[in-house]
Structure formats: structure tokens, C-alpha cells
């Protein structure tokens, strides 16, 4: 038996074959993972500042594996009638059945009568964009807003409105590569990690 093992190890090209087989298996596993389970999405624009910067790369778990979407989730959505169908990155502020109201004088966002604690926003919400409030989120939909509230086109715009969950590509779970920050003009490597 030891002679057979020794012969296998001595066969010319055996190490190269094993290496190539491992490489092919790894590539196939990555393709399957990114085709069905997750994907990498780039952030375009400043609508999620300060949480996310233009050029950030996010790991996104596909909708089928996300479970229920919850308030506070950072999601990627694509709606044909909005931004030419290009994917957008926003935060879920309210889910189906919840009523959202915004006091544009004080900038406070309320869901079901409770003011939201939003430590992630850049500034208070003063821009209305045309949706009438209070607004009850329809069944199977979510209400999305950018963290840079006065520099974001989101569900406050009747053009986007409440977003059907079927238009959600998935939930962002990890910042893979930081983009260049607008304020510093450089990448902040310490931002890599869980959102």
C-alpha cells in the first residue's frame, strides 16, 4: 500500500493537476455563490452619507436568502420607473402596514406615532419631495430613505414611492472596500466591515 501512495506522488504533473482541480472547484463555488446567494454592489452618489460613500463596494445577500426586511436594513432596490432602473442603495424606514409621518419643520421622522432614533443620518429631514404625509406603507412594500436626507431622492418622491419588496435586490451586510470620502479625499480603511 505505501508503494501505491508513493507512486501517485511521483507521477509527473500530479501536483499541477491537484492544484488546477482545486482552482476550478474554487471558481465554480464562487460563481454559484455570487449567482444565487450574494453579489457585490457599488454605491453611486452621496445619498447615504455618512454611512456609505460614493464608490463603496458592498456585499449584498440576495433577496431570496434575506428573510423579512426590517426597519433599519440597508437595501439595494431597482425600479424601472426610477433612475432608469439603475440599482439604488437606501435604508428601510418603514415596512408594510406602518404609518410614516415627517415633521419637516423639526426634521423628525415618526413611524406609528413614535419618533425614530436615527444616529446614522447626516442631518434632520427637511426635504419633502412631494409625497403626502402621513403615509401608510401598502402590503408587500417598504418605505426607503437615504441617510443623507436632504441629498437623497427616495420614497418621499412620488416617482419612487413605496417600493414593492419584489423590487429589492437584497440586503447589504458588509462593506468590502471603502470608496474615497468626499471630506478627506481618501479611502478610510477602518470603515471595512459590517454595516
N, C-alpha and C. Protein backbone atom coordinates (compact mmCIF):
# COMPACT_ATOMS: atom_id res chain seq x y z
N UNK A 1 0.81 -1.21 0.00
CA UNK A 1 0.00 0.00 0.00
C UNK A 1 0.85 1.27 0.00
N UNK A 2 1.91 1.36 0.81
CA UNK A 2 2.75 2.56 0.79
C UNK A 2 3.38 2.78 -0.57
N UNK A 3 3.66 1.69 -1.32
CA UNK A 3 4.25 1.83 -2.65
C UNK A 3 3.30 2.54 -3.60
N UNK A 4 1.96 2.21 -3.50
CA UNK A 4 0.97 2.85 -4.38
C UNK A 4 0.90 4.35 -4.11
N UNK A 5 0.91 4.70 -2.82
CA UNK A 5 0.85 6.12 -2.44
C UNK A 5 2.08 6.86 -2.96
N UNK A 6 3.23 6.20 -2.83
CA UNK A 6 4.48 6.80 -3.30
C UNK A 6 4.46 6.99 -4.81
N UNK A 7 3.89 6.02 -5.54
CA UNK A 7 3.80 6.11 -7.00
C UNK A 7 2.92 7.29 -7.41
N UNK A 8 1.78 7.46 -6.70
CA UNK A 8 0.87 8.58 -7.01
C UNK A 8 1.59 9.91 -6.85
N UNK A 9 2.37 10.02 -5.79
CA UNK A 9 3.06 11.28 -5.52
C UNK A 9 4.17 11.53 -6.55
N UNK A 10 4.73 10.46 -7.09
CA UNK A 10 5.84 10.61 -8.02
C UNK A 10 5.39 10.81 -9.46
N UNK A 11 4.08 10.64 -9.75
CA UNK A 11 3.61 10.80 -11.13
C UNK A 11 3.87 12.23 -11.58
N UNK A 12 4.46 12.36 -12.78
CA UNK A 12 4.74 13.71 -13.28
C UNK A 12 3.44 14.49 -13.51
N UNK A 13 3.41 15.73 -13.07
CA UNK A 13 2.25 16.60 -13.29
C UNK A 13 1.14 16.41 -12.28
N UNK A 14 1.28 15.49 -11.34
CA UNK A 14 0.21 15.22 -10.36
C UNK A 14 -0.07 16.46 -9.50
N UNK A 15 0.97 17.13 -9.04
CA UNK A 15 0.79 18.33 -8.23
C UNK A 15 0.08 19.44 -9.00
N UNK A 16 0.44 19.59 -10.26
CA UNK A 16 -0.21 20.59 -11.11
C UNK A 16 -1.68 20.25 -11.32
N UNK A 17 -1.97 18.98 -11.51
CA UNK A 17 -3.37 18.53 -11.69
C UNK A 17 -4.18 18.83 -10.43
N UNK A 18 -3.65 18.49 -9.26
CA UNK A 18 -4.36 18.75 -8.00
C UNK A 18 -4.60 20.24 -7.80
N UNK A 19 -3.57 21.04 -8.13
CA UNK A 19 -3.70 22.49 -7.99
C UNK A 19 -4.79 23.02 -8.92
N UNK A 20 -4.80 22.58 -10.19
CA UNK A 20 -5.80 23.03 -11.17
C UNK A 20 -7.19 22.60 -10.75
N UNK A 21 -7.33 21.40 -10.23
CA UNK A 21 -8.63 20.91 -9.77
C UNK A 21 -9.15 21.78 -8.62
N UNK A 22 -8.30 22.11 -7.68
CA UNK A 22 -8.70 22.96 -6.56
C UNK A 22 -9.10 24.35 -7.04
N UNK A 23 -8.36 24.89 -8.01
CA UNK A 23 -8.68 26.20 -8.56
C UNK A 23 -10.04 26.19 -9.25
N UNK A 24 -10.30 25.18 -10.07
CA UNK A 24 -11.58 25.08 -10.79
C UNK A 24 -12.74 24.95 -9.80
N UNK A 25 -12.57 24.13 -8.78
CA UNK A 25 -13.63 23.97 -7.76
C UNK A 25 -13.90 25.29 -7.02
N UNK A 26 -12.83 26.01 -6.70
CA UNK A 26 -12.99 27.30 -6.02
C UNK A 26 -13.72 28.31 -6.88
N UNK A 27 -13.36 28.37 -8.16
CA UNK A 27 -14.02 29.30 -9.08
C UNK A 27 -15.49 28.94 -9.23
N UNK A 28 -15.79 27.67 -9.39
CA UNK A 28 -17.20 27.24 -9.53
C UNK A 28 -17.99 27.57 -8.27
N UNK A 29 -17.39 27.35 -7.09
CA UNK A 29 -18.08 27.68 -5.84
C UNK A 29 -18.37 29.18 -5.76
N UNK A 30 -17.40 30.00 -6.16
CA UNK A 30 -17.60 31.46 -6.14
C UNK A 30 -18.69 31.87 -7.13
N UNK A 31 -18.70 31.27 -8.30
CA UNK A 31 -19.72 31.60 -9.31
C UNK A 31 -21.10 31.25 -8.79
N UNK A 32 -21.26 30.06 -8.20
CA UNK A 32 -22.56 29.64 -7.65
C UNK A 32 -22.97 30.58 -6.53
N UNK A 33 -22.04 30.90 -5.63
CA UNK A 33 -22.35 31.80 -4.52
C UNK A 33 -22.83 33.15 -5.01
N UNK A 34 -22.07 33.75 -5.96
CA UNK A 34 -22.42 35.09 -6.42
C UNK A 34 -23.57 35.10 -7.42
N UNK A 35 -23.90 33.97 -8.02
CA UNK A 35 -25.04 33.91 -8.93
C UNK A 35 -26.35 33.78 -8.16
N UNK A 36 -26.30 33.07 -7.04
CA UNK A 36 -27.55 32.77 -6.34
C UNK A 36 -27.64 33.34 -4.93
N UNK A 37 -26.54 33.43 -4.22
CA UNK A 37 -26.61 33.80 -2.82
C UNK A 37 -26.23 35.22 -2.48
N UNK A 38 -25.27 35.77 -3.18
CA UNK A 38 -24.79 37.11 -2.84
C UNK A 38 -24.22 37.77 -4.08
N UNK A 39 -23.98 39.06 -3.98
CA UNK A 39 -23.35 39.81 -5.06
C UNK A 39 -22.63 41.01 -4.48
N UNK A 40 -21.80 41.60 -5.30
CA UNK A 40 -21.10 42.82 -4.90
C UNK A 40 -21.74 43.98 -5.65
N UNK A 41 -22.08 45.04 -4.91
CA UNK A 41 -22.75 46.21 -5.48
C UNK A 41 -21.96 47.46 -5.09
N UNK A 42 -21.77 48.34 -6.06
CA UNK A 42 -21.09 49.60 -5.80
C UNK A 42 -22.08 50.71 -5.46
N UNK A 43 -21.69 51.58 -4.55
CA UNK A 43 -22.51 52.74 -4.18
C UNK A 43 -22.19 53.87 -5.15
N UNK A 44 -23.23 54.47 -5.69
CA UNK A 44 -23.05 55.58 -6.63
C UNK A 44 -23.79 56.80 -6.09
N UNK A 45 -23.05 57.86 -5.80
CA UNK A 45 -23.67 59.08 -5.29
C UNK A 45 -23.53 59.22 -3.79
N UNK A 46 -24.05 60.33 -3.28
CA UNK A 46 -23.90 60.65 -1.87
C UNK A 46 -25.16 60.55 -1.04
N UNK A 47 -26.18 59.83 -1.51
CA UNK A 47 -27.46 59.81 -0.80
C UNK A 47 -27.42 59.04 0.51
N UNK A 48 -26.35 58.26 0.76
CA UNK A 48 -26.27 57.51 2.02
C UNK A 48 -25.15 58.02 2.93
N UNK A 49 -24.58 59.22 2.61
CA UNK A 49 -23.57 59.78 3.51
C UNK A 49 -24.21 60.00 4.87
N UNK A 50 -23.59 59.77 5.91
CA UNK A 50 -22.22 59.44 6.18
C UNK A 50 -22.02 57.93 6.32
N UNK A 51 -23.07 57.17 6.30
CA UNK A 51 -22.96 55.72 6.43
C UNK A 51 -22.13 55.12 5.31
N UNK A 52 -22.46 55.48 4.07
CA UNK A 52 -21.78 54.96 2.89
C UNK A 52 -21.31 56.11 2.02
N UNK A 53 -20.20 55.89 1.33
CA UNK A 53 -19.63 56.93 0.48
C UNK A 53 -19.72 56.50 -0.99
N UNK A 54 -19.68 57.45 -1.88
CA UNK A 54 -19.62 57.16 -3.31
C UNK A 54 -18.42 56.26 -3.59
N UNK A 55 -18.65 55.16 -4.28
CA UNK A 55 -17.57 54.25 -4.62
C UNK A 55 -17.38 53.08 -3.67
N UNK A 56 -18.09 53.06 -2.54
CA UNK A 56 -18.01 51.91 -1.63
C UNK A 56 -18.48 50.66 -2.36
N UNK A 57 -17.86 49.52 -2.04
CA UNK A 57 -18.31 48.23 -2.56
C UNK A 57 -18.92 47.44 -1.41
N UNK A 58 -20.15 46.96 -1.63
CA UNK A 58 -20.90 46.26 -0.59
C UNK A 58 -21.13 44.81 -0.96
N UNK A 59 -21.10 43.94 0.04
CA UNK A 59 -21.53 42.56 -0.14
C UNK A 59 -23.01 42.53 0.17
N UNK A 60 -23.80 42.05 -0.80
CA UNK A 60 -25.25 42.06 -0.68
C UNK A 60 -25.77 40.64 -0.74
N UNK A 61 -26.57 40.24 0.27
CA UNK A 61 -27.22 38.94 0.27
C UNK A 61 -28.49 39.08 -0.57
N UNK A 62 -28.64 38.17 -1.55
CA UNK A 62 -29.80 38.23 -2.45
C UNK A 62 -31.11 38.07 -1.68
N UNK A 63 -32.16 38.69 -2.22
CA UNK A 63 -33.47 38.76 -1.58
C UNK A 63 -33.98 37.40 -1.11
N UNK A 64 -33.79 36.36 -1.91
CA UNK A 64 -34.31 35.03 -1.57
C UNK A 64 -33.74 34.50 -0.26
N UNK A 65 -32.56 35.00 0.16
CA UNK A 65 -31.91 34.50 1.36
C UNK A 65 -31.94 35.49 2.52
N UNK A 66 -32.67 36.60 2.35
CA UNK A 66 -32.68 37.68 3.36
C UNK A 66 -33.68 37.46 4.49
N UNK A 67 -34.73 36.74 4.22
CA UNK A 67 -35.81 36.68 5.20
C UNK A 67 -36.62 37.97 5.10
N UNK A 68 -37.26 38.34 6.18
CA UNK A 68 -38.08 39.55 6.21
C UNK A 68 -37.18 40.79 6.24
N UNK A 69 -37.59 41.82 5.50
CA UNK A 69 -36.89 43.10 5.58
C UNK A 69 -37.41 43.85 6.79
N UNK A 70 -36.51 44.50 7.51
CA UNK A 70 -36.87 45.21 8.73
C UNK A 70 -36.43 46.65 8.67
N UNK A 71 -37.07 47.45 9.50
CA UNK A 71 -36.69 48.84 9.62
C UNK A 71 -35.22 48.92 10.01
N UNK A 72 -34.47 49.78 9.30
CA UNK A 72 -33.04 49.94 9.58
C UNK A 72 -32.15 49.19 8.61
N UNK A 73 -32.69 48.21 7.87
CA UNK A 73 -31.88 47.48 6.89
C UNK A 73 -31.42 48.40 5.78
N UNK A 74 -30.18 48.23 5.33
CA UNK A 74 -29.68 48.91 4.14
C UNK A 74 -29.90 47.95 2.99
N UNK A 75 -30.68 48.39 2.00
CA UNK A 75 -31.08 47.52 0.90
C UNK A 75 -30.71 48.12 -0.46
N UNK A 76 -30.70 47.25 -1.46
CA UNK A 76 -30.49 47.68 -2.84
C UNK A 76 -31.80 47.41 -3.56
N UNK A 77 -32.31 48.42 -4.25
CA UNK A 77 -33.58 48.31 -4.98
C UNK A 77 -33.38 48.76 -6.41
N UNK A 78 -34.21 48.23 -7.28
CA UNK A 78 -34.21 48.66 -8.68
C UNK A 78 -35.65 48.68 -9.16
N UNK A 79 -36.10 49.85 -9.56
CA UNK A 79 -37.47 50.03 -10.04
C UNK A 79 -37.38 50.69 -11.41
N UNK A 80 -37.97 50.06 -12.42
CA UNK A 80 -37.83 50.51 -13.81
C UNK A 80 -38.17 51.98 -14.00
N UNK A 81 -39.16 52.49 -13.27
CA UNK A 81 -39.62 53.88 -13.45
C UNK A 81 -38.76 54.89 -12.71
N UNK A 82 -37.77 54.45 -11.96
CA UNK A 82 -36.98 55.36 -11.12
C UNK A 82 -35.52 55.24 -11.48
N UNK A 83 -34.86 56.36 -11.74
CA UNK A 83 -33.43 56.40 -12.06
C UNK A 83 -33.07 55.44 -13.20
N UNK A 84 -33.95 55.36 -14.20
CA UNK A 84 -33.75 54.50 -15.38
C UNK A 84 -33.53 53.04 -15.02
N UNK A 85 -34.09 52.61 -13.89
CA UNK A 85 -33.98 51.22 -13.48
C UNK A 85 -32.65 50.85 -12.84
N UNK A 86 -31.76 51.84 -12.65
CA UNK A 86 -30.46 51.57 -12.02
C UNK A 86 -30.66 51.24 -10.54
N UNK A 87 -29.88 50.30 -10.01
CA UNK A 87 -29.99 49.97 -8.59
C UNK A 87 -29.65 51.17 -7.70
N UNK A 88 -30.40 51.31 -6.62
CA UNK A 88 -30.16 52.37 -5.64
C UNK A 88 -29.94 51.74 -4.27
N UNK A 89 -29.17 52.40 -3.44
CA UNK A 89 -28.90 51.93 -2.08
C UNK A 89 -29.60 52.89 -1.12
N UNK A 90 -30.50 52.34 -0.30
CA UNK A 90 -31.26 53.15 0.66
C UNK A 90 -31.47 52.36 1.94
N UNK A 91 -32.06 53.01 2.94
CA UNK A 91 -32.37 52.37 4.22
C UNK A 91 -33.89 52.19 4.35
N UNK A 92 -34.31 51.04 4.86
CA UNK A 92 -35.73 50.79 5.13
C UNK A 92 -36.10 51.61 6.37
N UNK A 93 -37.10 52.48 6.19
CA UNK A 93 -37.54 53.33 7.29
C UNK A 93 -38.87 52.83 7.86
N UNK A 94 -39.69 52.20 7.01
CA UNK A 94 -40.97 51.65 7.45
C UNK A 94 -41.32 50.46 6.56
N UNK A 95 -42.04 49.49 7.15
CA UNK A 95 -42.45 48.30 6.41
C UNK A 95 -43.98 48.27 6.29
N UNK A 96 -44.50 47.27 5.57
CA UNK A 96 -45.93 47.22 5.30
C UNK A 96 -46.78 47.41 6.55
N UNK A 97 -47.84 48.20 6.40
CA UNK A 97 -48.77 48.44 7.48
C UNK A 97 -48.37 49.56 8.43
N UNK A 98 -47.12 49.98 8.39
CA UNK A 98 -46.68 51.06 9.28
C UNK A 98 -47.00 52.41 8.64
N UNK A 99 -47.30 53.38 9.49
CA UNK A 99 -47.60 54.73 9.01
C UNK A 99 -46.42 55.64 9.34
N UNK A 100 -45.90 56.26 8.30
CA UNK A 100 -44.76 57.16 8.46
C UNK A 100 -45.25 58.60 8.36
N UNK A 101 -44.74 59.45 9.23
CA UNK A 101 -45.07 60.86 9.20
C UNK A 101 -43.77 61.64 9.43
N UNK A 102 -43.63 62.74 8.73
CA UNK A 102 -42.41 63.54 8.85
C UNK A 102 -42.80 64.98 9.16
N UNK A 103 -42.25 65.52 10.24
CA UNK A 103 -42.43 66.92 10.57
C UNK A 103 -41.26 67.66 9.92
N UNK A 104 -41.54 68.30 8.79
CA UNK A 104 -40.46 68.94 8.02
C UNK A 104 -39.96 70.23 8.67
N UNK A 105 -40.68 70.75 9.65
CA UNK A 105 -40.18 71.93 10.37
C UNK A 105 -39.09 71.53 11.37
N UNK A 106 -39.33 70.42 12.09
CA UNK A 106 -38.33 69.97 13.07
C UNK A 106 -37.39 68.93 12.47
N UNK A 107 -37.77 68.33 11.34
CA UNK A 107 -36.94 67.31 10.69
C UNK A 107 -37.06 65.93 11.30
N UNK A 108 -38.09 65.70 12.11
CA UNK A 108 -38.26 64.42 12.81
C UNK A 108 -39.13 63.47 12.00
N UNK A 109 -38.67 62.21 11.90
CA UNK A 109 -39.41 61.15 11.22
C UNK A 109 -40.06 60.27 12.29
N UNK A 110 -41.37 60.04 12.14
CA UNK A 110 -42.11 59.19 13.07
C UNK A 110 -42.70 58.00 12.33
N UNK A 111 -42.69 56.85 12.96
CA UNK A 111 -43.36 55.66 12.44
C UNK A 111 -44.33 55.19 13.51
N UNK A 112 -45.59 55.07 13.11
CA UNK A 112 -46.67 54.70 14.02
C UNK A 112 -46.68 55.56 15.28
N UNK A 113 -46.43 56.86 15.09
CA UNK A 113 -46.51 57.83 16.19
C UNK A 113 -45.25 57.93 17.03
N UNK A 114 -44.24 57.12 16.78
CA UNK A 114 -43.01 57.14 17.57
C UNK A 114 -41.88 57.76 16.75
N UNK A 115 -41.22 58.76 17.33
CA UNK A 115 -40.06 59.36 16.65
C UNK A 115 -38.94 58.32 16.55
N UNK A 116 -38.36 58.22 15.35
CA UNK A 116 -37.27 57.27 15.15
C UNK A 116 -35.96 57.80 15.73
N UNK A 117 -35.18 56.92 16.33
CA UNK A 117 -33.82 57.25 16.73
C UNK A 117 -32.97 56.93 15.52
N UNK A 118 -32.34 57.92 14.94
CA UNK A 118 -31.59 57.74 13.70
C UNK A 118 -30.18 58.30 13.82
N UNK A 119 -29.31 57.62 14.56
CA UNK A 119 -27.94 58.12 14.73
C UNK A 119 -27.14 58.07 13.43
N UNK A 120 -27.63 57.35 12.44
CA UNK A 120 -26.92 57.16 11.17
C UNK A 120 -27.16 58.28 10.16
N UNK A 121 -28.15 59.16 10.38
CA UNK A 121 -28.44 60.17 9.36
C UNK A 121 -27.43 61.31 9.41
N UNK A 122 -27.26 61.94 8.26
CA UNK A 122 -26.30 63.06 8.16
C UNK A 122 -26.87 64.32 8.79
N UNK A 123 -28.16 64.56 8.55
CA UNK A 123 -28.84 65.73 9.11
C UNK A 123 -30.33 65.45 9.16
N UNK A 124 -31.06 66.25 9.89
CA UNK A 124 -32.51 66.06 10.02
C UNK A 124 -33.19 66.18 8.66
N UNK A 125 -34.42 65.67 8.58
CA UNK A 125 -35.15 65.57 7.32
C UNK A 125 -36.01 66.81 7.08
N UNK A 126 -35.57 67.67 6.15
CA UNK A 126 -36.31 68.90 5.85
C UNK A 126 -36.88 68.93 4.43
N UNK A 127 -36.51 67.98 3.59
CA UNK A 127 -36.91 67.97 2.18
C UNK A 127 -38.07 67.00 1.99
N UNK A 128 -39.20 67.48 1.42
CA UNK A 128 -40.39 66.62 1.32
C UNK A 128 -40.46 65.82 0.02
N UNK A 129 -40.07 66.37 -1.10
CA UNK A 129 -40.08 65.74 -2.41
C UNK A 129 -41.46 65.45 -2.98
N UNK A 130 -42.55 65.73 -2.28
CA UNK A 130 -43.88 65.65 -2.89
C UNK A 130 -44.84 64.61 -2.36
N UNK A 131 -44.39 63.61 -1.63
CA UNK A 131 -45.32 62.61 -1.07
C UNK A 131 -46.07 63.24 0.09
N UNK A 132 -47.36 62.94 0.17
CA UNK A 132 -48.20 63.48 1.26
C UNK A 132 -48.06 62.61 2.50
N UNK A 133 -47.85 63.25 3.64
CA UNK A 133 -47.72 62.54 4.91
C UNK A 133 -48.84 62.98 5.84
N UNK A 134 -49.29 62.08 6.73
CA UNK A 134 -48.82 60.73 7.00
C UNK A 134 -49.12 59.78 5.82
N UNK A 135 -48.27 58.73 5.73
CA UNK A 135 -48.35 57.78 4.62
C UNK A 135 -48.28 56.37 5.20
N UNK A 136 -49.26 55.54 4.86
CA UNK A 136 -49.26 54.15 5.32
C UNK A 136 -48.67 53.27 4.22
N UNK A 137 -47.67 52.49 4.59
CA UNK A 137 -46.97 51.64 3.62
C UNK A 137 -47.88 50.47 3.22
N UNK A 138 -48.12 50.32 1.91
CA UNK A 138 -49.00 49.24 1.44
C UNK A 138 -48.41 47.85 1.70
N UNK A 139 -49.27 46.86 1.63
CA UNK A 139 -48.87 45.47 1.83
C UNK A 139 -47.79 45.06 0.81
N UNK A 140 -46.78 44.35 1.29
CA UNK A 140 -45.71 43.87 0.42
C UNK A 140 -44.73 44.93 -0.02
N UNK A 141 -44.75 46.10 0.65
CA UNK A 141 -43.87 47.21 0.27
C UNK A 141 -43.05 47.69 1.46
N UNK A 142 -42.05 48.49 1.16
CA UNK A 142 -41.24 49.15 2.18
C UNK A 142 -41.09 50.62 1.78
N UNK A 143 -40.81 51.47 2.75
CA UNK A 143 -40.57 52.88 2.52
C UNK A 143 -39.09 53.11 2.74
N UNK A 144 -38.41 53.62 1.70
CA UNK A 144 -36.96 53.77 1.72
C UNK A 144 -36.53 55.23 1.77
N UNK A 145 -35.48 55.51 2.52
CA UNK A 145 -34.90 56.86 2.56
C UNK A 145 -33.39 56.74 2.63
N UNK A 146 -32.70 57.72 2.06
CA UNK A 146 -31.25 57.80 2.16
C UNK A 146 -30.86 58.41 3.49
N UNK A 147 -29.68 58.08 3.98
CA UNK A 147 -29.21 58.64 5.26
C UNK A 147 -28.83 60.11 5.13
N UNK A 148 -28.52 60.55 3.93
CA UNK A 148 -28.25 61.96 3.66
C UNK A 148 -29.58 62.56 3.22
N UNK A 149 -30.46 62.76 4.18
CA UNK A 149 -31.88 63.03 3.93
C UNK A 149 -32.16 64.20 2.99
N UNK A 150 -31.34 65.22 3.03
CA UNK A 150 -31.61 66.38 2.18
C UNK A 150 -30.81 66.33 0.88
N UNK A 151 -30.16 65.19 0.63
CA UNK A 151 -29.43 64.99 -0.61
C UNK A 151 -29.76 63.63 -1.20
N UNK A 152 -31.00 63.19 -1.00
CA UNK A 152 -31.41 61.86 -1.45
C UNK A 152 -32.78 61.90 -2.13
N UNK A 153 -32.87 61.25 -3.29
CA UNK A 153 -34.17 61.01 -3.92
C UNK A 153 -34.57 59.61 -3.49
N UNK A 154 -35.72 59.51 -2.81
CA UNK A 154 -36.11 58.22 -2.24
C UNK A 154 -37.63 58.10 -2.23
N UNK A 155 -38.19 57.33 -1.30
CA UNK A 155 -39.63 57.08 -1.28
C UNK A 155 -40.45 58.34 -1.01
N UNK A 156 -39.81 59.42 -0.60
CA UNK A 156 -40.55 60.68 -0.46
C UNK A 156 -40.95 61.22 -1.83
N UNK A 157 -40.28 60.77 -2.88
CA UNK A 157 -40.60 61.18 -4.24
C UNK A 157 -41.71 60.28 -4.77
N UNK A 158 -42.81 60.86 -5.27
CA UNK A 158 -43.88 60.03 -5.84
C UNK A 158 -43.38 59.15 -7.00
N UNK A 159 -42.29 59.54 -7.63
CA UNK A 159 -41.72 58.75 -8.72
C UNK A 159 -41.25 57.38 -8.22
N UNK A 160 -40.75 57.31 -6.98
CA UNK A 160 -40.36 56.04 -6.38
C UNK A 160 -41.45 55.53 -5.47
N UNK A 161 -41.89 56.36 -4.54
CA UNK A 161 -42.93 55.96 -3.60
C UNK A 161 -42.55 54.74 -2.78
N UNK A 162 -43.56 54.08 -2.23
CA UNK A 162 -43.31 52.83 -1.51
C UNK A 162 -42.82 51.81 -2.52
N UNK A 163 -41.84 51.02 -2.13
CA UNK A 163 -41.19 50.08 -3.05
C UNK A 163 -41.67 48.66 -2.77
N UNK A 164 -42.18 48.02 -3.81
CA UNK A 164 -42.59 46.62 -3.70
C UNK A 164 -41.36 45.79 -3.35
N UNK A 165 -41.50 44.88 -2.39
CA UNK A 165 -40.36 44.07 -1.96
C UNK A 165 -39.77 43.25 -3.10
N UNK A 166 -40.56 42.98 -4.14
CA UNK A 166 -40.04 42.24 -5.30
C UNK A 166 -39.02 43.07 -6.09
N UNK A 167 -39.00 44.40 -5.84
CA UNK A 167 -38.01 45.27 -6.49
C UNK A 167 -36.71 45.36 -5.69
N UNK A 168 -36.68 44.73 -4.52
CA UNK A 168 -35.48 44.74 -3.70
C UNK A 168 -34.55 43.63 -4.17
N UNK A 169 -33.32 43.99 -4.47
CA UNK A 169 -32.31 43.02 -4.91
C UNK A 169 -31.78 42.24 -3.72
N UNK A 170 -31.61 42.92 -2.60
CA UNK A 170 -31.11 42.25 -1.41
C UNK A 170 -30.72 43.23 -0.32
N UNK A 171 -30.15 42.67 0.75
CA UNK A 171 -29.74 43.45 1.92
C UNK A 171 -28.21 43.54 1.95
N UNK A 172 -27.70 44.76 2.13
CA UNK A 172 -26.25 44.95 2.27
C UNK A 172 -25.84 44.50 3.66
N UNK A 173 -24.81 43.66 3.73
CA UNK A 173 -24.40 43.11 5.02
C UNK A 173 -22.97 43.45 5.40
N UNK A 174 -22.14 43.86 4.41
CA UNK A 174 -20.72 44.05 4.70
C UNK A 174 -20.13 45.05 3.73
N UNK A 175 -19.33 45.97 4.25
CA UNK A 175 -18.60 46.92 3.41
C UNK A 175 -17.26 46.27 3.05
N UNK A 176 -17.12 45.88 1.78
CA UNK A 176 -15.92 45.18 1.33
C UNK A 176 -14.75 46.12 1.07
N UNK A 177 -15.05 47.24 0.40
CA UNK A 177 -13.99 48.17 0.01
C UNK A 177 -14.53 49.60 0.11
N UNK A 178 -13.89 50.44 0.92
CA UNK A 178 -14.39 51.81 1.04
C UNK A 178 -14.05 52.64 -0.18
N UNK A 179 -14.96 53.50 -0.56
CA UNK A 179 -14.70 54.46 -1.61
C UNK A 179 -13.94 55.65 -1.05
N UNK A 180 -13.65 56.61 -1.88
CA UNK A 180 -12.95 57.80 -1.45
C UNK A 180 -13.96 58.74 -0.79
N UNK A 181 -13.68 59.15 0.44
CA UNK A 181 -14.60 60.05 1.15
C UNK A 181 -14.55 61.44 0.56
N UNK A 182 -15.71 62.09 0.52
CA UNK A 182 -15.80 63.43 -0.05
C UNK A 182 -15.03 64.44 0.80
N UNK A 183 -15.11 64.28 2.12
CA UNK A 183 -14.47 65.24 3.02
C UNK A 183 -12.95 65.12 3.03
N UNK A 184 -12.43 63.87 3.08
CA UNK A 184 -10.99 63.66 3.21
C UNK A 184 -10.28 63.44 1.88
N UNK A 185 -11.04 63.04 0.85
CA UNK A 185 -10.43 62.77 -0.45
C UNK A 185 -9.55 61.53 -0.46
N UNK A 186 -9.82 60.60 0.47
CA UNK A 186 -9.03 59.36 0.54
C UNK A 186 -9.91 58.25 1.09
N UNK A 187 -9.43 57.02 0.96
CA UNK A 187 -10.17 55.87 1.49
C UNK A 187 -9.93 55.76 3.00
N UNK A 188 -11.00 55.49 3.73
CA UNK A 188 -10.90 55.26 5.17
C UNK A 188 -10.99 53.74 5.38
N UNK A 189 -9.84 53.09 5.47
CA UNK A 189 -9.79 51.63 5.53
C UNK A 189 -10.45 51.09 6.79
N UNK A 190 -10.53 51.88 7.84
CA UNK A 190 -11.15 51.42 9.08
C UNK A 190 -12.68 51.27 8.95
N UNK A 191 -13.24 51.68 7.82
CA UNK A 191 -14.68 51.53 7.61
C UNK A 191 -15.06 50.13 7.12
N UNK A 192 -14.08 49.34 6.68
CA UNK A 192 -14.37 47.99 6.21
C UNK A 192 -15.04 47.20 7.31
N UNK A 193 -16.11 46.50 6.96
CA UNK A 193 -16.77 45.65 7.96
C UNK A 193 -18.27 45.66 7.86
N UNK A 194 -18.87 45.17 8.90
CA UNK A 194 -20.32 45.01 8.98
C UNK A 194 -21.01 46.38 9.02
N UNK A 195 -22.13 46.48 8.34
CA UNK A 195 -22.88 47.74 8.32
C UNK A 195 -23.72 47.89 9.57
